[in-house]
N, C-alpha and C. Protein backbone atom coordinates (compact mmCIF):
# COMPACT_ATOMS: atom_id res chain seq x y z
N MET A 1 14.99 148.66 183.39
CA MET A 1 15.97 148.98 184.40
C MET A 1 15.66 148.37 185.76
N SER A 2 14.50 147.69 185.89
CA SER A 2 14.16 147.17 187.20
C SER A 2 15.14 146.08 187.62
N GLY A 3 15.34 145.99 188.92
CA GLY A 3 16.19 144.95 189.44
C GLY A 3 17.61 145.39 189.74
N THR A 4 18.05 146.54 189.30
CA THR A 4 19.41 146.98 189.61
C THR A 4 19.39 147.73 190.93
N MET A 5 20.54 147.81 191.56
CA MET A 5 20.62 148.49 192.86
C MET A 5 20.35 149.98 192.73
N ASP A 6 20.57 150.57 191.55
CA ASP A 6 20.31 152.00 191.38
C ASP A 6 18.82 152.32 191.47
N ASP A 7 17.98 151.32 191.24
CA ASP A 7 16.54 151.54 191.25
C ASP A 7 15.94 151.37 192.64
N VAL A 8 16.72 150.96 193.63
CA VAL A 8 16.21 150.70 194.98
C VAL A 8 16.44 151.94 195.84
N VAL A 9 15.36 152.42 196.47
CA VAL A 9 15.47 153.55 197.39
C VAL A 9 14.81 153.16 198.70
N ASN A 10 15.30 153.73 199.80
CA ASN A 10 14.68 153.41 201.09
C ASN A 10 13.42 154.26 201.29
N VAL A 11 12.64 153.90 202.27
CA VAL A 11 11.36 154.56 202.51
C VAL A 11 11.55 156.05 202.77
N HIS A 12 12.50 156.41 203.58
CA HIS A 12 12.73 157.83 203.89
C HIS A 12 13.06 158.61 202.62
N GLU A 13 13.95 158.07 201.79
CA GLU A 13 14.31 158.74 200.56
C GLU A 13 13.10 158.84 199.61
N ALA A 14 12.29 157.80 199.59
CA ALA A 14 11.10 157.82 198.74
C ALA A 14 10.13 158.91 199.19
N LYS A 15 9.94 159.06 200.49
CA LYS A 15 9.05 160.11 201.00
C LYS A 15 9.62 161.49 200.71
N THR A 16 10.92 161.62 200.86
CA THR A 16 11.56 162.92 200.67
C THR A 16 11.58 163.34 199.20
N HIS A 17 11.77 162.40 198.31
CA HIS A 17 11.95 162.72 196.90
C HIS A 17 10.87 162.09 196.01
N LEU A 18 9.66 162.02 196.52
CA LEU A 18 8.59 161.35 195.77
C LEU A 18 8.36 161.97 194.40
N SER A 19 8.33 163.29 194.33
CA SER A 19 8.09 163.95 193.04
C SER A 19 9.18 163.58 192.03
N ARG A 20 10.41 163.57 192.47
CA ARG A 20 11.53 163.23 191.59
C ARG A 20 11.43 161.77 191.13
N LEU A 21 11.05 160.89 192.07
CA LEU A 21 10.91 159.47 191.71
C LEU A 21 9.76 159.29 190.71
N LEU A 22 8.69 160.02 190.90
CA LEU A 22 7.56 159.91 189.97
C LEU A 22 7.94 160.40 188.57
N GLN A 23 8.79 161.41 188.50
CA GLN A 23 9.27 161.86 187.19
C GLN A 23 10.06 160.75 186.50
N ARG A 24 10.87 160.04 187.27
CA ARG A 24 11.62 158.92 186.70
C ARG A 24 10.69 157.81 186.22
N VAL A 25 9.65 157.57 187.01
CA VAL A 25 8.68 156.54 186.64
C VAL A 25 7.94 156.95 185.36
N GLU A 26 7.57 158.22 185.28
CA GLU A 26 6.90 158.71 184.07
C GLU A 26 7.79 158.56 182.84
N ALA A 27 9.10 158.59 183.06
CA ALA A 27 10.06 158.42 181.95
C ALA A 27 10.25 156.95 181.61
N GLY A 28 9.59 156.05 182.34
CA GLY A 28 9.65 154.63 182.01
C GLY A 28 10.42 153.76 182.98
N GLU A 29 11.02 154.35 184.00
CA GLU A 29 11.78 153.55 184.97
C GLU A 29 10.85 152.87 185.97
N GLU A 30 11.37 151.81 186.59
CA GLU A 30 10.70 151.17 187.71
C GLU A 30 11.55 151.42 188.95
N ILE A 31 10.90 151.81 190.03
CA ILE A 31 11.59 152.12 191.28
C ILE A 31 11.14 151.12 192.34
N VAL A 32 12.11 150.54 193.05
CA VAL A 32 11.82 149.62 194.15
C VAL A 32 12.05 150.37 195.45
N ILE A 33 11.08 150.26 196.35
CA ILE A 33 11.20 150.88 197.67
C ILE A 33 11.52 149.77 198.67
N ALA A 34 12.55 150.01 199.49
CA ALA A 34 12.99 149.00 200.45
C ALA A 34 12.92 149.56 201.86
N ARG A 35 12.65 148.67 202.81
CA ARG A 35 12.71 149.02 204.23
C ARG A 35 13.76 148.13 204.86
N GLY A 36 14.78 148.75 205.39
CA GLY A 36 15.87 147.98 206.00
C GLY A 36 16.59 147.12 204.97
N GLY A 37 16.65 147.57 203.72
CA GLY A 37 17.33 146.81 202.68
C GLY A 37 16.50 145.72 202.03
N THR A 38 15.29 145.51 202.56
CA THR A 38 14.41 144.49 202.00
C THR A 38 13.37 145.15 201.10
N PRO A 39 13.33 144.80 199.83
CA PRO A 39 12.34 145.39 198.92
C PRO A 39 10.92 145.09 199.39
N ILE A 40 10.08 146.14 199.43
CA ILE A 40 8.69 145.96 199.88
C ILE A 40 7.67 146.44 198.86
N ALA A 41 8.09 147.29 197.92
CA ALA A 41 7.13 147.81 196.94
C ALA A 41 7.86 148.21 195.67
N ARG A 42 7.08 148.30 194.60
CA ARG A 42 7.64 148.73 193.32
C ARG A 42 6.73 149.80 192.73
N ILE A 43 7.30 150.89 192.28
CA ILE A 43 6.54 151.93 191.57
C ILE A 43 6.83 151.73 190.09
N VAL A 44 5.78 151.51 189.33
CA VAL A 44 5.93 151.24 187.89
C VAL A 44 5.04 152.20 187.10
N PRO A 45 5.38 152.46 185.85
CA PRO A 45 4.52 153.31 185.03
C PRO A 45 3.17 152.65 184.79
N MET A 46 2.15 153.47 184.71
CA MET A 46 0.81 152.96 184.38
C MET A 46 0.80 152.55 182.91
N PRO A 47 0.09 151.47 182.59
CA PRO A 47 -0.02 151.11 181.18
C PRO A 47 -0.84 152.16 180.43
N ALA A 48 -0.57 152.30 179.16
CA ALA A 48 -1.32 153.26 178.35
C ALA A 48 -2.79 152.86 178.35
N PRO A 49 -3.69 153.82 178.48
CA PRO A 49 -5.12 153.47 178.48
C PRO A 49 -5.52 152.90 177.12
N ARG A 50 -6.36 151.89 177.17
CA ARG A 50 -6.86 151.30 175.94
C ARG A 50 -8.01 152.15 175.43
N LYS A 51 -7.98 152.43 174.16
CA LYS A 51 -9.05 153.23 173.57
C LYS A 51 -10.18 152.30 173.13
N TRP A 52 -11.40 152.69 173.47
CA TRP A 52 -12.57 151.93 173.06
C TRP A 52 -12.75 152.14 171.57
N PRO A 53 -12.84 151.10 170.80
CA PRO A 53 -12.93 151.26 169.36
C PRO A 53 -14.27 151.81 168.88
N GLY A 54 -15.24 151.84 169.77
CA GLY A 54 -16.53 152.40 169.39
C GLY A 54 -17.39 151.38 168.67
N PRO A 55 -18.56 151.81 168.24
CA PRO A 55 -19.45 150.88 167.54
C PRO A 55 -18.81 150.44 166.23
N GLY A 56 -19.17 149.27 165.83
CA GLY A 56 -18.65 148.75 164.57
C GLY A 56 -17.40 147.91 164.74
N LEU A 57 -17.09 147.53 165.96
CA LEU A 57 -15.88 146.75 166.22
C LEU A 57 -15.84 145.47 165.39
N LEU A 58 -16.98 144.82 165.23
CA LEU A 58 -17.02 143.56 164.51
C LEU A 58 -17.52 143.71 163.07
N LYS A 59 -17.62 144.92 162.59
CA LYS A 59 -18.12 145.14 161.24
C LYS A 59 -17.24 144.38 160.24
N GLY A 60 -17.90 143.57 159.44
CA GLY A 60 -17.19 142.78 158.45
C GLY A 60 -16.58 141.51 159.00
N LYS A 61 -16.68 141.27 160.32
CA LYS A 61 -16.08 140.08 160.92
C LYS A 61 -17.13 139.07 161.37
N ALA A 62 -18.36 139.49 161.49
CA ALA A 62 -19.43 138.61 161.92
C ALA A 62 -20.57 138.70 160.91
N TRP A 63 -21.35 137.66 160.82
CA TRP A 63 -22.46 137.67 159.88
C TRP A 63 -23.63 136.90 160.47
N ALA A 64 -24.78 137.10 159.91
CA ALA A 64 -25.99 136.35 160.28
C ALA A 64 -26.70 135.99 159.00
N ALA A 65 -27.34 134.85 159.01
CA ALA A 65 -28.10 134.41 157.83
C ALA A 65 -29.19 135.43 157.52
N ASP A 66 -29.56 135.50 156.26
CA ASP A 66 -30.57 136.47 155.85
C ASP A 66 -31.89 136.30 156.60
N ASP A 67 -32.21 135.07 156.99
CA ASP A 67 -33.48 134.83 157.68
C ASP A 67 -33.30 134.71 159.20
N ALA A 68 -32.17 135.14 159.73
CA ALA A 68 -31.88 134.97 161.15
C ALA A 68 -32.92 135.63 162.05
N TRP A 69 -33.48 136.74 161.64
CA TRP A 69 -34.43 137.47 162.49
C TRP A 69 -35.87 137.26 162.08
N ASP A 70 -36.09 136.39 161.08
CA ASP A 70 -37.47 136.08 160.67
C ASP A 70 -38.15 135.27 161.77
N PRO A 71 -39.45 135.43 161.92
CA PRO A 71 -40.18 134.64 162.93
C PRO A 71 -40.09 133.15 162.64
N ASP A 72 -40.04 132.36 163.68
CA ASP A 72 -40.03 130.90 163.56
C ASP A 72 -41.40 130.41 163.99
N PRO A 73 -42.22 129.95 163.05
CA PRO A 73 -43.59 129.53 163.39
C PRO A 73 -43.64 128.45 164.47
N GLU A 74 -42.70 127.53 164.47
CA GLU A 74 -42.70 126.46 165.47
C GLU A 74 -42.47 127.02 166.87
N LEU A 75 -41.52 127.96 166.99
CA LEU A 75 -41.26 128.56 168.30
C LEU A 75 -42.43 129.45 168.74
N GLU A 76 -43.00 130.19 167.80
CA GLU A 76 -44.15 131.03 168.15
C GLU A 76 -45.32 130.18 168.63
N ALA A 77 -45.56 129.04 167.98
CA ALA A 77 -46.65 128.16 168.40
C ALA A 77 -46.39 127.61 169.79
N ALA A 78 -45.15 127.22 170.07
CA ALA A 78 -44.82 126.70 171.40
C ALA A 78 -44.97 127.78 172.46
N TRP A 79 -44.61 129.01 172.13
CA TRP A 79 -44.70 130.12 173.08
C TRP A 79 -46.16 130.44 173.41
N GLU A 80 -47.01 130.39 172.39
CA GLU A 80 -48.41 130.76 172.56
C GLU A 80 -49.28 129.61 173.03
N ALA A 81 -48.73 128.41 173.13
CA ALA A 81 -49.51 127.25 173.56
C ALA A 81 -50.01 127.45 174.98
N GLU A 82 -51.20 126.96 175.22
CA GLU A 82 -51.80 127.11 176.55
C GLU A 82 -51.44 125.95 177.46
N GLU A 83 -50.68 125.03 176.95
CA GLU A 83 -50.30 123.87 177.75
C GLU A 83 -49.26 124.28 178.79
N ASP A 84 -49.34 123.63 179.93
CA ASP A 84 -48.41 123.92 181.02
C ASP A 84 -47.30 122.88 181.08
N TRP A 85 -46.93 122.30 179.97
CA TRP A 85 -45.94 121.21 179.98
C TRP A 85 -44.57 121.66 180.44
N MET A 86 -44.30 122.98 180.35
CA MET A 86 -42.98 123.45 180.77
C MET A 86 -42.97 123.89 182.24
N LEU A 87 -44.12 123.99 182.86
CA LEU A 87 -44.19 124.45 184.25
C LEU A 87 -44.05 123.27 185.20
N PRO A 88 -43.48 123.47 186.38
CA PRO A 88 -43.39 122.37 187.35
C PRO A 88 -44.78 122.00 187.83
N ALA A 89 -44.92 120.74 188.22
CA ALA A 89 -46.22 120.28 188.71
C ALA A 89 -46.58 121.02 189.99
N LYS A 90 -47.87 121.33 190.11
CA LYS A 90 -48.34 122.02 191.31
C LYS A 90 -48.49 121.02 192.45
N ASP A 91 -48.12 121.45 193.65
CA ASP A 91 -48.23 120.59 194.83
C ASP A 91 -49.61 120.82 195.43
N ASP A 92 -50.43 119.78 195.39
CA ASP A 92 -51.78 119.92 195.93
C ASP A 92 -51.86 119.53 197.40
N GLY A 93 -50.74 119.20 198.00
CA GLY A 93 -50.70 118.88 199.42
C GLY A 93 -50.92 117.40 199.71
N ASP A 94 -51.30 116.63 198.73
CA ASP A 94 -51.55 115.19 198.91
C ASP A 94 -50.22 114.45 198.84
N PRO A 95 -49.80 113.76 199.92
CA PRO A 95 -48.51 113.09 199.93
C PRO A 95 -48.44 111.87 199.00
N ALA A 96 -49.54 111.43 198.48
CA ALA A 96 -49.52 110.25 197.61
C ALA A 96 -48.91 110.62 196.35
C-alpha cells in the first residue's frame, strides 16, 4: 500500500495518532510522514526475526578427508626446526 496518498500523514497527525499508526504498521501497512506536504520519513513493519538454526547447520553438506586432522610430519618438522629462516634478519646497526 505504500505510495498512495492515503498512506501519507503530516507530522502533527503522526504525533497525535502514533499508536493508531503503529497498529496499521503492525498489520503490514507502510506509513509516510510528511512535513508541509513533502515526504520526510516512512514507518514500515520490522522484518521477521531470523531464527538461528543452531549447531549442525552444515551437517551433511560439508566433508573432510579421513586423514584431514592427522599430523603432517613435514609441517611438524618445519615447525620444530631451530632454523630462523622464517624470521626477518636482525639489524646489527652496521650500515654496510
